[in-house]
Amino acid sequence: MPSLRRVLLSDRAAIKSLSLDPDQEQFAGTIDTVFDDLQKSAFPGDEHPFAIVAKDNLTVGFFVLRERARLPEWAPAGVITLHSLRISRMHQGFGYGRSSVELATAWIRENRHQIDRLMLAVNARNRQAIAAYLRCGFVDTGIRVDGPIGEQLVLEIAV
């Protein structure tokens, strides 16, 4: 099973090396945008960037967990949200996406005992990601929000 490693702002170049197919990149956004937002954050303690690390210390993915003051408008208080999940194109199809969700929920259970669900928003046109999240146990809340490139579905999973 892979593990989580806390990502620092100085890890930008290493995380940038996680390449995606162009059709996936449009939905995930750029790593530079994610790191710029992390660097400018007024609430850095409410954002938790992680690398997904496989055996031999190989970084295969990345995501950010947000809570409290850094929750998006669509998220109710008392949850944690998942953002910018990406698995490098050459490591997709090996269960790292599922492991990422399991690692995120485990981190929440261990570090945020009062939190009982993890939520995310995914572009409605990103059928591949929607199917993957549903396979991991997320359920559609029925909430729809406007995202940067179109409608997004809000999904959640019990922690």
Protein backbone atom coordinates (compact mmCIF):
# COMPACT_ATOMS: atom_id res chain seq x y z
CA MET A 1 0.00 0.00 0.00
CA PRO A 2 1.33 3.46 -0.81
CA SER A 3 1.81 6.07 1.89
CA LEU A 4 1.32 9.81 2.30
CA ARG A 5 4.12 12.32 2.54
CA ARG A 6 3.50 15.94 3.48
CA VAL A 7 4.33 18.22 0.55
CA LEU A 8 6.22 21.46 1.11
CA LEU A 9 6.15 24.51 -1.15
CA SER A 10 9.73 23.62 -2.10
CA ASP A 11 8.41 20.34 -3.61
CA ARG A 12 6.76 22.15 -6.54
CA ALA A 13 9.17 20.83 -9.20
CA ALA A 14 8.84 17.23 -8.04
CA ILE A 15 5.03 17.40 -8.06
CA LYS A 16 5.07 19.13 -11.46
CA SER A 17 6.72 16.02 -12.87
CA LEU A 18 3.44 14.11 -12.35
CA SER A 19 2.22 14.34 -15.92
CA LEU A 20 -1.40 13.90 -16.97
CA ASP A 21 -3.01 13.47 -20.35
CA PRO A 22 -4.09 16.88 -21.72
CA ASP A 23 -7.78 15.98 -21.41
CA GLN A 24 -7.24 15.25 -17.70
CA GLU A 25 -5.08 18.35 -17.13
CA GLN A 26 -7.97 20.62 -18.15
CA PHE A 27 -10.00 19.27 -15.23
CA ALA A 28 -7.20 18.95 -12.66
CA GLY A 29 -5.67 22.36 -13.28
CA THR A 30 -2.00 23.11 -13.24
CA ILE A 31 0.36 22.37 -10.38
CA ASP A 32 1.64 25.94 -10.60
CA THR A 33 -1.86 27.25 -9.85
CA VAL A 34 -2.22 24.87 -6.90
CA PHE A 35 1.17 25.83 -5.45
CA ASP A 36 0.57 29.55 -6.05
CA ASP A 37 -2.70 29.26 -4.11
CA LEU A 38 -0.97 27.37 -1.30
CA GLN A 39 1.80 29.96 -1.15
CA LYS A 40 -0.67 32.89 -0.99
CA SER A 41 -3.02 31.23 1.49
CA ALA A 42 -4.01 33.30 4.52
CA PHE A 43 -4.81 30.01 6.30
CA PRO A 44 -1.96 27.58 5.54
CA GLY A 45 -2.86 25.47 8.57
CA ASP A 46 -6.20 24.65 6.93
CA GLU A 47 -4.62 23.20 3.77
CA HIS A 48 -2.79 19.89 3.71
CA PRO A 49 -0.94 18.96 0.50
CA PHE A 50 0.20 15.36 0.23
CA ALA A 51 2.19 13.22 -2.17
CA ILE A 52 1.14 9.62 -2.73
CA VAL A 53 4.32 7.60 -2.42
CA ALA A 54 4.69 4.04 -3.71
CA LYS A 55 7.45 1.57 -2.93
CA ASP A 56 11.02 2.70 -3.52
CA ASN A 57 9.95 6.22 -2.43
CA LEU A 58 8.41 6.89 -5.87
CA THR A 59 5.89 9.75 -5.95
CA VAL A 60 2.92 8.64 -8.06
CA GLY A 61 0.28 11.21 -7.13
CA PHE A 62 -0.76 14.31 -5.25
CA PHE A 63 -3.78 15.88 -3.56
CA VAL A 64 -4.74 18.66 -1.16
CA LEU A 65 -7.14 18.39 1.78
CA ARG A 66 -8.87 21.59 2.91
CA GLU A 67 -10.76 22.36 6.08
CA ARG A 68 -12.22 25.19 8.17
CA ALA A 69 -11.45 28.60 6.64
CA ARG A 70 -10.27 27.05 3.35
CA LEU A 71 -13.46 25.09 2.62
CA PRO A 72 -15.08 25.99 -0.69
CA GLU A 73 -18.45 27.79 -0.58
CA TRP A 74 -20.38 24.62 -1.45
CA ALA A 75 -18.99 22.65 1.52
CA PRO A 76 -20.78 22.73 4.87
CA ALA A 77 -18.80 23.41 8.03
CA GLY A 78 -17.40 20.32 9.71
CA VAL A 79 -16.19 18.45 6.62
CA ILE A 80 -12.89 18.16 4.81
CA THR A 81 -12.69 18.57 1.04
CA LEU A 82 -10.39 16.86 -1.46
CA HIS A 83 -8.77 18.93 -4.22
CA SER A 84 -6.38 18.54 -7.14
CA LEU A 85 -6.12 14.76 -6.95
CA ARG A 86 -3.83 13.56 -9.69
CA ILE A 87 -2.17 10.25 -10.38
CA SER A 88 0.68 10.39 -12.88
CA ARG A 89 -0.41 9.07 -16.26
CA MET A 90 2.17 6.27 -16.18
CA HIS A 91 0.85 5.05 -12.80
CA GLN A 92 -2.87 5.14 -13.56
CA GLY A 93 -4.75 1.86 -13.55
CA PHE A 94 -2.77 0.35 -10.66
CA GLY A 95 -5.10 1.28 -7.78
CA TYR A 96 -3.29 4.42 -6.66
CA GLY A 97 -6.46 6.53 -7.00
CA ARG A 98 -8.34 4.20 -4.67
CA SER A 99 -5.36 4.10 -2.32
CA SER A 100 -5.28 7.90 -2.31
CA VAL A 101 -8.89 8.06 -1.13
CA GLU A 102 -8.20 5.40 1.51
CA LEU A 103 -5.11 7.29 2.70
CA ALA A 104 -7.03 10.59 2.82
CA THR A 105 -9.86 9.11 4.88
CA ALA A 106 -7.36 7.38 7.17
CA TRP A 107 -5.54 10.69 7.72
CA ILE A 108 -8.84 12.35 8.60
CA ARG A 109 -9.79 9.56 11.05
CA GLU A 110 -6.38 9.78 12.75
CA ASN A 111 -6.03 13.57 12.82
CA ARG A 112 -9.54 15.04 12.74
CA HIS A 113 -11.70 12.80 14.94
CA GLN A 114 -14.72 15.11 14.71
CA ILE A 115 -14.90 14.94 10.89
CA ASP A 116 -17.24 12.30 9.50
CA ARG A 117 -17.10 12.91 5.74
CA LEU A 118 -14.84 13.85 2.89
CA MET A 119 -16.31 15.84 -0.01
CA LEU A 120 -15.14 16.90 -3.46
CA ALA A 121 -16.39 18.62 -6.58
CA VAL A 122 -15.71 17.05 -9.98
CA ASN A 123 -16.47 18.46 -13.41
CA ALA A 124 -19.62 16.90 -14.87
CA ARG A 125 -17.77 16.24 -18.16
CA ASN A 126 -14.97 14.34 -16.41
CA ARG A 127 -16.64 10.95 -16.73
CA GLN A 128 -13.41 9.03 -16.04
CA ALA A 129 -12.92 10.76 -12.67
CA ILE A 130 -16.60 10.48 -11.71
CA ALA A 131 -16.56 6.73 -12.37
CA ALA A 132 -13.33 6.32 -10.38
CA TYR A 133 -14.70 8.27 -7.40
CA LEU A 134 -17.93 6.25 -7.40
CA ARG A 135 -15.90 3.00 -7.48
CA CYS A 136 -14.01 4.28 -4.41
CA GLY A 137 -17.28 4.68 -2.48
CA PHE A 138 -18.15 8.33 -3.04
CA VAL A 139 -21.84 9.08 -3.55
CA ASP A 140 -23.44 11.92 -5.48
CA THR A 141 -25.00 14.45 -3.10
CA GLY A 142 -27.19 15.89 -5.86
CA ILE A 143 -25.56 19.29 -5.34
CA ARG A 144 -24.34 21.04 -8.49
CA VAL A 145 -22.03 24.05 -8.51
CA ASP A 146 -20.45 26.21 -11.19
CA GLY A 147 -16.76 25.46 -11.58
CA PRO A 148 -13.97 27.11 -13.51
CA ILE A 149 -14.77 25.17 -16.70
CA GLY A 150 -18.38 24.12 -16.18
CA GLU A 151 -20.84 22.40 -13.91
CA GLN A 152 -19.44 20.29 -11.09
CA LEU A 153 -21.01 17.42 -9.16
CA VAL A 154 -20.45 17.39 -5.41
CA LEU A 155 -19.64 13.92 -4.09
CA GLU A 156 -19.04 12.67 -0.56
CA ILE A 157 -17.81 9.63 1.29
CA ALA A 158 -18.17 8.70 4.94
CA VAL A 159 -14.91 8.71 6.84
